[in-house]
Amino acid sequence: KPSKRNRPGPHSNKPYTGEQVHWMRYHRQDLGLFWPQVHALFYEHFPGEERQSVACITSRYYRSNFLPKLGENGEPMLDRSGKFVMEAAKVRGRATEEGKHKPFLFVDVHPEWALVYDWVTADDKKKAMRVLQELDGQPQQ
């Protein structure tokens, strides 16, 4: 077995951008695509990237599953410095009673970004607007 330092073949330590991580979540969770589809489309949307396998993007995707912890009132909890308290939101945890109440879809987790990206569908942009209105306590239109 080759050591990690002497792996054969190409290897990229280039970090994923925030948009790329958001794109992965949206295409996997919101659109319900399977990983081979997400991987193939990733190259089309981000040409020139050196992500050789499905494992490259899945490992980054699963590391991004940290969400603000919600208090009993459903509001995000803050630490002493006013930053969100983050907790792991394991994909497998969605089936649990506690997990059923956590947002997992991109438009629920990052509605403000869903409005910015051109690859989010018009219907999902409308959903993101509703999420933001709910967060602001505004009535839905």
C-alpha atoms as a PDB file:
ATOM      1  CA  LYS A   1       0.000   0.000   0.000  1.00  0.00           C
ATOM      2  CA  PRO A   2       1.522   3.346  -1.014  1.00  0.00           C
ATOM      3  CA  SER A   3       2.014   5.883   1.744  1.00  0.00           C
ATOM      4  CA  LYS A   4      -0.151   8.987   1.736  1.00  0.00           C
ATOM      5  CA  ARG A   5       2.855  11.055   0.734  1.00  0.00           C
ATOM      6  CA  ASN A   6       3.663   8.941  -2.322  1.00  0.00           C
ATOM      7  CA  ARG A   7       0.232   8.297  -3.821  1.00  0.00           C
ATOM      8  CA  PRO A   8       0.232   7.462  -7.491  1.00  0.00           C
ATOM      9  CA  GLY A   9      -1.801   9.684  -9.791  1.00  0.00           C
ATOM     10  CA  PRO A  10      -3.044  13.245  -9.456  1.00  0.00           C
ATOM     11  CA  HIS A  11      -3.954  14.683  -6.079  1.00  0.00           C
ATOM     12  CA  SER A  12      -5.406  18.084  -5.294  1.00  0.00           C
ATOM     13  CA  ASN A  13      -5.144  19.898  -1.994  1.00  0.00           C
ATOM     14  CA  LYS A  14      -6.899  22.907  -3.470  1.00  0.00           C
ATOM     15  CA  PRO A  15      -9.767  23.783  -1.117  1.00  0.00           C
ATOM     16  CA  TYR A  16     -13.310  23.902  -2.388  1.00  0.00           C
ATOM     17  CA  THR A  17     -14.878  27.341  -2.605  1.00  0.00           C
ATOM     18  CA  GLY A  18     -17.986  28.180  -0.606  1.00  0.00           C
ATOM     19  CA  GLU A  19     -19.995  28.178  -3.820  1.00  0.00           C
ATOM     20  CA  GLN A  20     -18.749  24.697  -4.727  1.00  0.00           C
ATOM     21  CA  VAL A  21     -19.776  23.305  -1.325  1.00  0.00           C
ATOM     22  CA  HIS A  22     -23.177  25.008  -1.652  1.00  0.00           C
ATOM     23  CA  TRP A  23     -23.533  23.647  -5.186  1.00  0.00           C
ATOM     24  CA  MET A  24     -22.849  20.093  -3.947  1.00  0.00           C
ATOM     25  CA  ARG A  25     -25.451  20.376  -1.158  1.00  0.00           C
ATOM     26  CA  TYR A  26     -28.070  21.817  -3.500  1.00  0.00           C
ATOM     27  CA  HIS A  27     -27.616  19.213  -6.204  1.00  0.00           C
ATOM     28  CA  ARG A  28     -27.429  16.283  -3.774  1.00  0.00           C
ATOM     29  CA  GLN A  29     -30.114  17.272  -1.254  1.00  0.00           C
ATOM     30  CA  ASP A  30     -32.499  19.713  -2.912  1.00  0.00           C
ATOM     31  CA  LEU A  31     -32.458  18.203  -6.405  1.00  0.00           C
ATOM     32  CA  GLY A  32     -32.012  14.633  -5.139  1.00  0.00           C
ATOM     33  CA  LEU A  33     -29.284  13.658  -7.589  1.00  0.00           C
ATOM     34  CA  PHE A  34     -27.111  10.615  -6.959  1.00  0.00           C
ATOM     35  CA  TRP A  35     -23.383  11.099  -6.326  1.00  0.00           C
ATOM     36  CA  PRO A  36     -22.186   9.949  -9.771  1.00  0.00           C
ATOM     37  CA  GLN A  37     -24.543  12.523 -11.338  1.00  0.00           C
ATOM     38  CA  VAL A  38     -23.351  15.245  -8.959  1.00  0.00           C
ATOM     39  CA  HIS A  39     -19.726  14.399  -9.756  1.00  0.00           C
ATOM     40  CA  ALA A  40     -20.279  14.523 -13.531  1.00  0.00           C
ATOM     41  CA  LEU A  41     -22.207  17.793 -13.344  1.00  0.00           C
ATOM     42  CA  PHE A  42     -19.577  19.286 -11.039  1.00  0.00           C
ATOM     43  CA  TYR A  43     -17.032  19.141 -13.880  1.00  0.00           C
ATOM     44  CA  GLU A  44     -19.489  20.774 -16.258  1.00  0.00           C
ATOM     45  CA  HIS A  45     -20.252  23.621 -13.875  1.00  0.00           C
ATOM     46  CA  PHE A  46     -16.694  24.056 -12.554  1.00  0.00           C
ATOM     47  CA  PRO A  47     -14.432  23.229 -15.530  1.00  0.00           C
ATOM     48  CA  GLY A  48     -10.776  22.680 -14.824  1.00  0.00           C
ATOM     49  CA  GLU A  49     -11.233  21.305 -11.315  1.00  0.00           C
ATOM     50  CA  GLU A  50      -9.008  18.391 -10.274  1.00  0.00           C
ATOM     51  CA  ARG A  51     -11.561  16.245  -8.412  1.00  0.00           C
ATOM     52  CA  GLN A  52     -10.861  12.784  -9.717  1.00  0.00           C
ATOM     53  CA  SER A  53     -13.501  10.680  -8.003  1.00  0.00           C
ATOM     54  CA  VAL A  54     -16.914  10.740  -6.405  1.00  0.00           C
ATOM     55  CA  ALA A  55     -15.152  10.203  -3.068  1.00  0.00           C
ATOM     56  CA  CYS A  56     -13.419  13.567  -3.439  1.00  0.00           C
ATOM     57  CA  ILE A  57     -16.662  15.498  -3.405  1.00  0.00           C
ATOM     58  CA  THR A  58     -18.586  13.277  -1.008  1.00  0.00           C
ATOM     59  CA  SER A  59     -15.923  13.612   1.675  1.00  0.00           C
ATOM     60  CA  ARG A  60     -16.048  17.420   1.411  1.00  0.00           C
ATOM     61  CA  TYR A  61     -19.845  17.402   1.390  1.00  0.00           C
ATOM     62  CA  TYR A  62     -20.082  15.398   4.600  1.00  0.00           C
ATOM     63  CA  ARG A  63     -17.594  17.691   6.348  1.00  0.00           C
ATOM     64  CA  SER A  64     -19.899  20.657   5.629  1.00  0.00           C
ATOM     65  CA  ASN A  65     -22.838  19.301   7.613  1.00  0.00           C
ATOM     66  CA  PHE A  66     -22.615  21.661  10.565  1.00  0.00           C
ATOM     67  CA  LEU A  67     -25.679  23.779  11.255  1.00  0.00           C
ATOM     68  CA  PRO A  68     -26.699  26.310  13.894  1.00  0.00           C
ATOM     69  CA  LYS A  69     -28.040  24.609  17.016  1.00  0.00           C
ATOM     70  CA  LEU A  70     -31.642  25.549  17.737  1.00  0.00           C
ATOM     71  CA  GLY A  71     -32.973  26.275  21.213  1.00  0.00           C
ATOM     72  CA  GLU A  72     -36.325  25.119  22.610  1.00  0.00           C
ATOM     73  CA  ASN A  73     -37.992  28.151  21.018  1.00  0.00           C
ATOM     74  CA  GLY A  74     -36.651  27.173  17.585  1.00  0.00           C
ATOM     75  CA  GLU A  75     -34.283  30.146  17.432  1.00  0.00           C
ATOM     76  CA  PRO A  76     -30.551  29.672  16.720  1.00  0.00           C
ATOM     77  CA  MET A  77     -28.462  29.535  19.896  1.00  0.00           C
ATOM     78  CA  LEU A  78     -25.604  31.997  20.333  1.00  0.00           C
ATOM     79  CA  ASP A  79     -22.413  31.647  22.336  1.00  0.00           C
ATOM     80  CA  ARG A  80     -20.993  34.327  24.669  1.00  0.00           C
ATOM     81  CA  SER A  81     -19.406  36.182  21.761  1.00  0.00           C
ATOM     82  CA  GLY A  82     -22.675  36.282  19.787  1.00  0.00           C
ATOM     83  CA  LYS A  83     -21.689  33.611  17.261  1.00  0.00           C
ATOM     84  CA  PHE A  84     -23.928  30.697  16.338  1.00  0.00           C
ATOM     85  CA  VAL A  85     -23.440  27.495  18.312  1.00  0.00           C
ATOM     86  CA  MET A  86     -22.872  24.884  15.628  1.00  0.00           C
ATOM     87  CA  GLU A  87     -23.701  21.189  15.774  1.00  0.00           C
ATOM     88  CA  ALA A  88     -23.143  18.280  13.448  1.00  0.00           C
ATOM     89  CA  ALA A  89     -26.179  17.534  11.322  1.00  0.00           C
ATOM     90  CA  LYS A  90     -25.479  14.003  10.231  1.00  0.00           C
ATOM     91  CA  VAL A  91     -27.346  12.970   7.094  1.00  0.00           C
ATOM     92  CA  ARG A  92     -28.331   9.686   8.744  1.00  0.00           C
ATOM     93  CA  GLY A  93     -29.770  11.676  11.644  1.00  0.00           C
ATOM     94  CA  ARG A  94     -32.612  12.986   9.490  1.00  0.00           C
ATOM     95  CA  ALA A  95     -34.610   9.849  10.263  1.00  0.00           C
ATOM     96  CA  THR A  96     -34.476  10.447  14.022  1.00  0.00           C
ATOM     97  CA  GLU A  97     -37.135  12.413  15.874  1.00  0.00           C
ATOM     98  CA  GLU A  98     -34.680  15.209  16.622  1.00  0.00           C
ATOM     99  CA  GLY A  99     -33.339  15.222  13.076  1.00  0.00           C
ATOM    100  CA  LYS A 100     -36.768  15.633  11.508  1.00  0.00           C
ATOM    101  CA  HIS A 101     -36.834  19.222  12.753  1.00  0.00           C
ATOM    102  CA  LYS A 102     -33.405  20.240  11.434  1.00  0.00           C
ATOM    103  CA  PRO A 103     -32.983  21.929   8.081  1.00  0.00           C
ATOM    104  CA  PHE A 104     -30.974  19.872   5.581  1.00  0.00           C
ATOM    105  CA  LEU A 105     -31.864  21.346   2.202  1.00  0.00           C
ATOM    106  CA  PHE A 106     -29.618  24.065   0.837  1.00  0.00           C
ATOM    107  CA  VAL A 107     -32.481  26.556   0.504  1.00  0.00           C
ATOM    108  CA  ASP A 108     -33.422  25.984   4.160  1.00  0.00           C
ATOM    109  CA  VAL A 109     -29.860  26.178   5.496  1.00  0.00           C
ATOM    110  CA  HIS A 110     -28.614  29.035   3.272  1.00  0.00           C
ATOM    111  CA  PRO A 111     -31.681  30.848   1.876  1.00  0.00           C
ATOM    112  CA  GLU A 112     -29.738  34.088   1.440  1.00  0.00           C
ATOM    113  CA  TRP A 113     -27.236  32.338  -0.851  1.00  0.00           C
ATOM    114  CA  ALA A 114     -29.991  30.537  -2.764  1.00  0.00           C
ATOM    115  CA  LEU A 115     -31.157  33.943  -3.978  1.00  0.00           C
ATOM    116  CA  VAL A 116     -27.682  34.826  -5.290  1.00  0.00           C
ATOM    117  CA  TYR A 117     -26.633  31.772  -7.296  1.00  0.00           C
ATOM    118  CA  ASP A 118     -27.820  31.440 -10.882  1.00  0.00           C
ATOM    119  CA  TRP A 119     -27.896  27.620 -10.649  1.00  0.00           C
ATOM    120  CA  VAL A 120     -30.764  27.601  -8.107  1.00  0.00           C
ATOM    121  CA  THR A 121     -34.124  27.079  -9.815  1.00  0.00           C
ATOM    122  CA  ALA A 122     -36.781  29.800  -9.792  1.00  0.00           C
ATOM    123  CA  ASP A 123     -39.068  27.629  -7.637  1.00  0.00           C
ATOM    124  CA  ASP A 124     -36.310  27.118  -5.079  1.00  0.00           C
ATOM    125  CA  LYS A 125     -35.565  30.849  -5.049  1.00  0.00           C
ATOM    126  CA  LYS A 126     -39.242  31.405  -4.140  1.00  0.00           C
ATOM    127  CA  LYS A 127     -38.905  28.860  -1.347  1.00  0.00           C
ATOM    128  CA  ALA A 128     -35.773  30.628  -0.095  1.00  0.00           C
ATOM    129  CA  MET A 129     -37.692  33.921   0.002  1.00  0.00           C
ATOM    130  CA  ARG A 130     -40.410  32.257   2.112  1.00  0.00           C
ATOM    131  CA  VAL A 131     -37.776  30.877   4.489  1.00  0.00           C
ATOM    132  CA  LEU A 132     -36.213  34.325   4.869  1.00  0.00           C
ATOM    133  CA  GLN A 133     -39.626  35.895   5.472  1.00  0.00           C
ATOM    134  CA  GLU A 134     -40.347  33.318   8.171  1.00  0.00           C
ATOM    135  CA  LEU A 135     -36.985  34.021   9.802  1.00  0.00           C
ATOM    136  CA  ASP A 136     -37.780  37.753   9.781  1.00  0.00           C
ATOM    137  CA  GLY A 137     -41.257  37.119  11.178  1.00  0.00           C
ATOM    138  CA  GLN A 138     -42.931  38.559   8.099  1.00  0.00           C
ATOM    139  CA  PRO A 139     -46.220  37.134   6.827  1.00  0.00           C
ATOM    140  CA  GLN A 140     -45.935  35.029   3.695  1.00  0.00           C
ATOM    141  CA  GLN A 141     -47.320  36.490   0.502  1.00  0.00           C
END
